[in-house]
């Protein structure tokens, strides 16, 4: 057993290098540019995409390689949001404009 996993250099820099050991300057770093929003996302998912990218930028953890994960999270949120909207409309009026199959 090796013990704990090594802490990433970015985390060591942010926390002030608590061990005082030399930092690894050769550690690979993800591309810092903003990932493009996939065109396949609907309007609710694109809104969520922008929100998630802003939040990740504020935390300093966004990377270009996160595109698939952010897209999956935004699409899942959009699907949940649309389902909630339909259920709300169905409860209120017994009709759903977004999903005609749910009409009685």
N, C-alpha and C. Protein backbone atom coordinates (compact mmCIF):
# COMPACT_ATOMS: atom_id res chain seq x y z
N UNK A 1 0.83 -1.18 0.00
CA UNK A 1 0.00 0.00 0.00
C UNK A 1 0.88 1.24 0.00
N UNK A 2 0.52 2.17 -0.85
CA UNK A 2 1.29 3.39 -1.02
C UNK A 2 0.89 4.50 -0.06
N UNK A 3 -0.28 4.47 0.44
CA UNK A 3 -0.76 5.58 1.25
C UNK A 3 -1.74 6.43 0.45
N UNK A 4 -1.82 7.70 0.78
CA UNK A 4 -2.75 8.61 0.10
C UNK A 4 -2.33 8.85 -1.34
N UNK A 5 -3.33 9.19 -2.18
CA UNK A 5 -3.02 9.61 -3.54
C UNK A 5 -2.35 10.97 -3.49
N UNK A 6 -1.42 11.24 -4.42
CA UNK A 6 -0.77 12.55 -4.42
C UNK A 6 -1.77 13.67 -4.71
N UNK A 7 -1.57 14.79 -4.07
CA UNK A 7 -2.42 15.95 -4.27
C UNK A 7 -2.00 16.66 -5.55
N UNK A 8 -2.95 17.07 -6.40
CA UNK A 8 -2.58 17.78 -7.63
C UNK A 8 -1.83 19.08 -7.31
N UNK A 9 -0.94 19.46 -8.21
CA UNK A 9 -0.13 20.66 -8.02
C UNK A 9 -0.99 21.90 -7.88
N UNK A 10 -2.07 21.99 -8.65
CA UNK A 10 -2.95 23.17 -8.57
C UNK A 10 -3.54 23.30 -7.18
N UNK A 11 -3.89 22.19 -6.56
CA UNK A 11 -4.45 22.23 -5.20
C UNK A 11 -3.37 22.64 -4.21
N UNK A 12 -2.17 22.11 -4.39
CA UNK A 12 -1.06 22.50 -3.50
C UNK A 12 -0.79 24.00 -3.59
N UNK A 13 -0.81 24.54 -4.81
CA UNK A 13 -0.57 25.98 -4.97
C UNK A 13 -1.67 26.78 -4.30
N UNK A 14 -2.92 26.34 -4.47
CA UNK A 14 -4.06 27.07 -3.90
C UNK A 14 -4.02 27.04 -2.38
N UNK A 15 -3.56 25.92 -1.80
CA UNK A 15 -3.54 25.79 -0.34
C UNK A 15 -2.22 26.24 0.27
N UNK A 16 -1.30 26.73 -0.54
CA UNK A 16 -0.05 27.26 -0.02
C UNK A 16 1.05 26.24 0.16
N UNK A 17 1.00 25.11 -0.53
CA UNK A 17 2.02 24.06 -0.47
C UNK A 17 2.31 23.66 0.98
N UNK A 18 1.35 22.99 1.63
CA UNK A 18 1.50 22.68 3.05
C UNK A 18 2.70 21.80 3.39
N UNK A 19 3.14 20.92 2.49
CA UNK A 19 4.26 20.03 2.78
C UNK A 19 5.62 20.67 2.53
N UNK A 20 5.64 21.83 1.90
CA UNK A 20 6.87 22.57 1.60
C UNK A 20 7.84 21.80 0.70
N UNK A 21 7.34 20.79 0.03
CA UNK A 21 8.18 20.07 -0.93
C UNK A 21 8.14 20.78 -2.27
N UNK A 22 9.12 20.52 -3.14
CA UNK A 22 9.10 21.18 -4.45
C UNK A 22 7.86 20.78 -5.25
N UNK A 23 7.29 21.75 -5.95
CA UNK A 23 6.11 21.49 -6.76
C UNK A 23 6.51 20.89 -8.10
N UNK A 24 5.66 20.03 -8.64
CA UNK A 24 5.90 19.39 -9.92
C UNK A 24 5.46 20.33 -11.03
N UNK A 25 6.41 20.97 -11.69
CA UNK A 25 6.09 21.89 -12.79
C UNK A 25 5.83 21.15 -14.09
N UNK A 26 6.14 19.86 -14.16
CA UNK A 26 5.95 19.07 -15.38
C UNK A 26 4.61 18.33 -15.37
N UNK A 27 3.77 18.58 -14.37
CA UNK A 27 2.49 17.90 -14.29
C UNK A 27 1.59 18.35 -15.45
N UNK A 28 0.95 17.40 -16.15
CA UNK A 28 0.08 17.80 -17.25
C UNK A 28 -1.11 18.60 -16.73
N UNK A 29 -1.50 19.60 -17.48
CA UNK A 29 -2.62 20.45 -17.09
C UNK A 29 -3.67 20.43 -18.20
N UNK A 30 -4.95 20.45 -17.86
CA UNK A 30 -5.99 20.48 -18.90
C UNK A 30 -5.98 21.82 -19.63
N UNK A 31 -6.50 21.79 -20.84
CA UNK A 31 -6.59 23.01 -21.63
C UNK A 31 -7.56 23.98 -20.95
N UNK A 32 -7.13 25.22 -20.69
CA UNK A 32 -7.98 26.14 -19.93
C UNK A 32 -9.06 26.85 -20.76
N UNK A 33 -9.11 26.62 -22.09
CA UNK A 33 -10.10 27.35 -22.87
C UNK A 33 -11.51 26.80 -22.64
N UNK A 34 -12.48 27.63 -22.90
CA UNK A 34 -13.89 27.30 -22.66
C UNK A 34 -14.37 26.30 -23.71
N UNK A 35 -15.01 25.21 -23.28
CA UNK A 35 -15.52 24.24 -24.24
C UNK A 35 -16.73 24.81 -24.98
N UNK A 36 -16.87 24.52 -26.27
CA UNK A 36 -18.02 25.03 -27.02
C UNK A 36 -19.31 24.31 -26.62
N UNK A 37 -20.40 25.02 -26.64
CA UNK A 37 -21.69 24.43 -26.31
C UNK A 37 -22.18 23.59 -27.49
N UNK A 38 -22.54 22.32 -27.26
CA UNK A 38 -23.02 21.48 -28.36
C UNK A 38 -24.32 22.02 -28.96
N UNK A 39 -24.45 21.97 -30.27
CA UNK A 39 -25.64 22.48 -30.95
C UNK A 39 -26.86 21.60 -30.70
N UNK A 40 -26.65 20.35 -30.30
CA UNK A 40 -27.77 19.42 -30.12
C UNK A 40 -28.60 19.72 -28.88
N UNK A 41 -28.12 20.56 -27.99
CA UNK A 41 -28.85 20.86 -26.76
C UNK A 41 -30.04 21.78 -27.06
N UNK A 42 -31.15 21.57 -26.34
CA UNK A 42 -32.30 22.45 -26.51
C UNK A 42 -32.09 23.74 -25.72
N UNK A 43 -33.06 24.64 -25.77
CA UNK A 43 -32.86 25.96 -25.16
C UNK A 43 -32.70 25.89 -23.64
N UNK A 44 -33.40 24.97 -22.98
CA UNK A 44 -33.26 24.85 -21.53
C UNK A 44 -31.87 24.31 -21.18
N UNK A 45 -31.41 23.34 -21.96
CA UNK A 45 -30.09 22.76 -21.71
C UNK A 45 -28.99 23.77 -21.99
N UNK A 46 -29.16 24.60 -23.02
CA UNK A 46 -28.15 25.62 -23.31
C UNK A 46 -28.08 26.65 -22.19
N UNK A 47 -29.23 27.00 -21.63
CA UNK A 47 -29.24 27.93 -20.50
C UNK A 47 -28.49 27.32 -19.31
N UNK A 48 -28.74 26.03 -19.07
CA UNK A 48 -28.07 25.35 -17.96
C UNK A 48 -26.57 25.22 -18.25
N UNK A 49 -26.22 24.98 -19.53
CA UNK A 49 -24.81 24.89 -19.94
C UNK A 49 -24.09 26.17 -19.55
N UNK A 50 -24.66 27.32 -19.92
CA UNK A 50 -24.02 28.60 -19.60
C UNK A 50 -23.86 28.78 -18.09
N UNK A 51 -24.88 28.39 -17.34
CA UNK A 51 -24.81 28.49 -15.88
C UNK A 51 -23.69 27.61 -15.33
N UNK A 52 -23.60 26.36 -15.78
CA UNK A 52 -22.59 25.44 -15.26
C UNK A 52 -21.18 25.91 -15.62
N UNK A 53 -21.00 26.39 -16.84
CA UNK A 53 -19.67 26.86 -17.25
C UNK A 53 -19.25 28.07 -16.41
N UNK A 54 -20.20 28.99 -16.15
CA UNK A 54 -19.87 30.15 -15.30
C UNK A 54 -19.49 29.71 -13.89
N UNK A 55 -20.24 28.75 -13.35
CA UNK A 55 -19.94 28.27 -12.00
C UNK A 55 -18.57 27.59 -11.95
N UNK A 56 -18.27 26.77 -12.95
CA UNK A 56 -16.96 26.09 -12.97
C UNK A 56 -15.83 27.09 -13.15
N UNK A 57 -16.06 28.13 -13.94
CA UNK A 57 -15.04 29.17 -14.09
C UNK A 57 -14.80 29.90 -12.77
N UNK A 58 -15.86 30.18 -12.06
CA UNK A 58 -15.73 30.88 -10.78
C UNK A 58 -14.94 30.04 -9.77
N UNK A 59 -15.10 28.71 -9.84
CA UNK A 59 -14.36 27.83 -8.94
C UNK A 59 -12.94 27.55 -9.43
N UNK A 60 -12.67 27.91 -10.69
CA UNK A 60 -11.35 27.68 -11.26
C UNK A 60 -11.11 26.22 -11.63
N UNK A 61 -12.17 25.48 -11.92
CA UNK A 61 -12.02 24.06 -12.23
C UNK A 61 -12.47 23.69 -13.64
N UNK A 62 -12.86 24.66 -14.44
CA UNK A 62 -13.34 24.37 -15.79
C UNK A 62 -12.18 24.01 -16.71
N UNK A 63 -12.39 23.01 -17.57
CA UNK A 63 -11.40 22.62 -18.56
C UNK A 63 -12.13 22.23 -19.84
N UNK A 64 -11.43 22.28 -20.95
CA UNK A 64 -12.02 21.93 -22.25
C UNK A 64 -12.49 20.48 -22.26
N UNK A 65 -11.82 19.63 -21.53
CA UNK A 65 -12.17 18.21 -21.50
C UNK A 65 -13.47 17.93 -20.75
N UNK A 66 -14.05 18.93 -20.10
CA UNK A 66 -15.30 18.76 -19.36
C UNK A 66 -16.54 18.86 -20.25
N UNK A 67 -16.37 19.04 -21.55
CA UNK A 67 -17.50 19.29 -22.43
C UNK A 67 -18.56 18.19 -22.36
N UNK A 68 -18.16 16.94 -22.42
CA UNK A 68 -19.12 15.84 -22.39
C UNK A 68 -19.88 15.76 -21.09
N UNK A 69 -19.18 15.97 -19.99
CA UNK A 69 -19.81 15.91 -18.67
C UNK A 69 -20.79 17.06 -18.48
N UNK A 70 -20.40 18.25 -18.90
CA UNK A 70 -21.29 19.40 -18.78
C UNK A 70 -22.51 19.21 -19.67
N UNK A 71 -22.30 18.70 -20.90
CA UNK A 71 -23.42 18.48 -21.82
C UNK A 71 -24.40 17.45 -21.25
N UNK A 72 -23.89 16.38 -20.67
CA UNK A 72 -24.76 15.36 -20.09
C UNK A 72 -25.55 15.92 -18.91
N UNK A 73 -24.90 16.71 -18.07
CA UNK A 73 -25.59 17.31 -16.93
C UNK A 73 -26.65 18.30 -17.39
N UNK A 74 -26.32 19.11 -18.40
CA UNK A 74 -27.28 20.10 -18.90
C UNK A 74 -28.47 19.41 -19.57
N UNK A 75 -28.22 18.35 -20.33
CA UNK A 75 -29.31 17.63 -21.00
C UNK A 75 -30.22 16.95 -19.97
N UNK A 76 -29.64 16.36 -18.94
CA UNK A 76 -30.43 15.72 -17.90
C UNK A 76 -31.26 16.76 -17.14
N UNK A 77 -30.68 17.90 -16.86
CA UNK A 77 -31.42 18.95 -16.17
C UNK A 77 -32.57 19.45 -17.04
N UNK A 78 -32.31 19.60 -18.34
CA UNK A 78 -33.35 20.06 -19.25
C UNK A 78 -34.50 19.06 -19.31
N UNK A 79 -34.18 17.78 -19.36
CA UNK A 79 -35.22 16.75 -19.39
C UNK A 79 -36.05 16.79 -18.11
N UNK A 80 -35.40 16.92 -16.98
CA UNK A 80 -36.11 17.03 -15.70
C UNK A 80 -36.99 18.27 -15.67
N UNK A 81 -36.43 19.40 -16.13
CA UNK A 81 -37.17 20.66 -16.10
C UNK A 81 -38.42 20.58 -16.97
N UNK A 82 -38.29 20.04 -18.19
CA UNK A 82 -39.43 19.91 -19.08
C UNK A 82 -40.48 18.96 -18.49
N UNK A 83 -40.04 17.90 -17.85
CA UNK A 83 -40.99 16.97 -17.22
C UNK A 83 -41.74 17.66 -16.09
N UNK A 84 -41.03 18.44 -15.28
CA UNK A 84 -41.68 19.17 -14.21
C UNK A 84 -42.69 20.18 -14.74
N UNK A 85 -42.34 20.86 -15.83
CA UNK A 85 -43.26 21.82 -16.44
C UNK A 85 -44.52 21.11 -16.93
N UNK A 86 -44.37 19.95 -17.54
CA UNK A 86 -45.52 19.19 -18.03
C UNK A 86 -46.38 18.70 -16.88
N UNK A 87 -45.76 18.21 -15.84
CA UNK A 87 -46.53 17.74 -14.70
C UNK A 87 -47.29 18.88 -14.04
N UNK A 88 -46.65 20.03 -13.96
CA UNK A 88 -47.33 21.18 -13.39
C UNK A 88 -48.52 21.57 -14.25
N UNK A 89 -48.33 21.62 -15.56
CA UNK A 89 -49.43 21.96 -16.46
C UNK A 89 -50.52 20.90 -16.41
N UNK A 90 -50.13 19.66 -16.30
CA UNK A 90 -51.10 18.57 -16.25
C UNK A 90 -51.93 18.64 -14.98
N UNK A 91 -51.30 18.98 -13.87
CA UNK A 91 -52.03 19.10 -12.62
C UNK A 91 -52.99 20.29 -12.66
N UNK A 92 -52.57 21.37 -13.31
CA UNK A 92 -53.40 22.57 -13.34
C UNK A 92 -54.51 22.51 -14.37
N UNK A 93 -54.21 22.02 -15.57
CA UNK A 93 -55.19 22.09 -16.66
C UNK A 93 -55.51 20.73 -17.27
N UNK A 94 -54.86 19.69 -16.82
CA UNK A 94 -55.04 18.35 -17.38
C UNK A 94 -54.65 18.30 -18.85
N UNK A 95 -53.76 19.20 -19.28
CA UNK A 95 -53.27 19.19 -20.65
C UNK A 95 -51.81 19.63 -20.63
N UNK A 96 -51.01 19.08 -21.53
CA UNK A 96 -49.58 19.41 -21.56
C UNK A 96 -49.19 19.79 -22.97
N UNK A 97 -48.78 21.03 -23.15
CA UNK A 97 -48.41 21.53 -24.47
C UNK A 97 -47.10 20.91 -24.96
N UNK A 98 -46.14 20.66 -24.07
CA UNK A 98 -44.83 20.16 -24.48
C UNK A 98 -44.85 18.68 -24.84
N UNK A 99 -45.74 17.92 -24.23
CA UNK A 99 -45.83 16.48 -24.50
C UNK A 99 -47.29 16.10 -24.74
N UNK A 100 -47.76 16.16 -26.00
CA UNK A 100 -49.17 15.87 -26.28
C UNK A 100 -49.58 14.47 -25.85
N UNK A 101 -48.65 13.53 -25.74
CA UNK A 101 -49.00 12.16 -25.35
C UNK A 101 -49.53 12.11 -23.93
N UNK A 102 -49.26 13.11 -23.11
CA UNK A 102 -49.73 13.11 -21.73
C UNK A 102 -51.15 13.65 -21.60
N UNK A 103 -51.73 14.07 -22.70
CA UNK A 103 -53.11 14.61 -22.63
C UNK A 103 -54.08 13.48 -22.36
N UNK A 104 -55.09 13.71 -21.52
CA UNK A 104 -56.06 12.64 -21.21
C UNK A 104 -56.99 12.34 -22.37
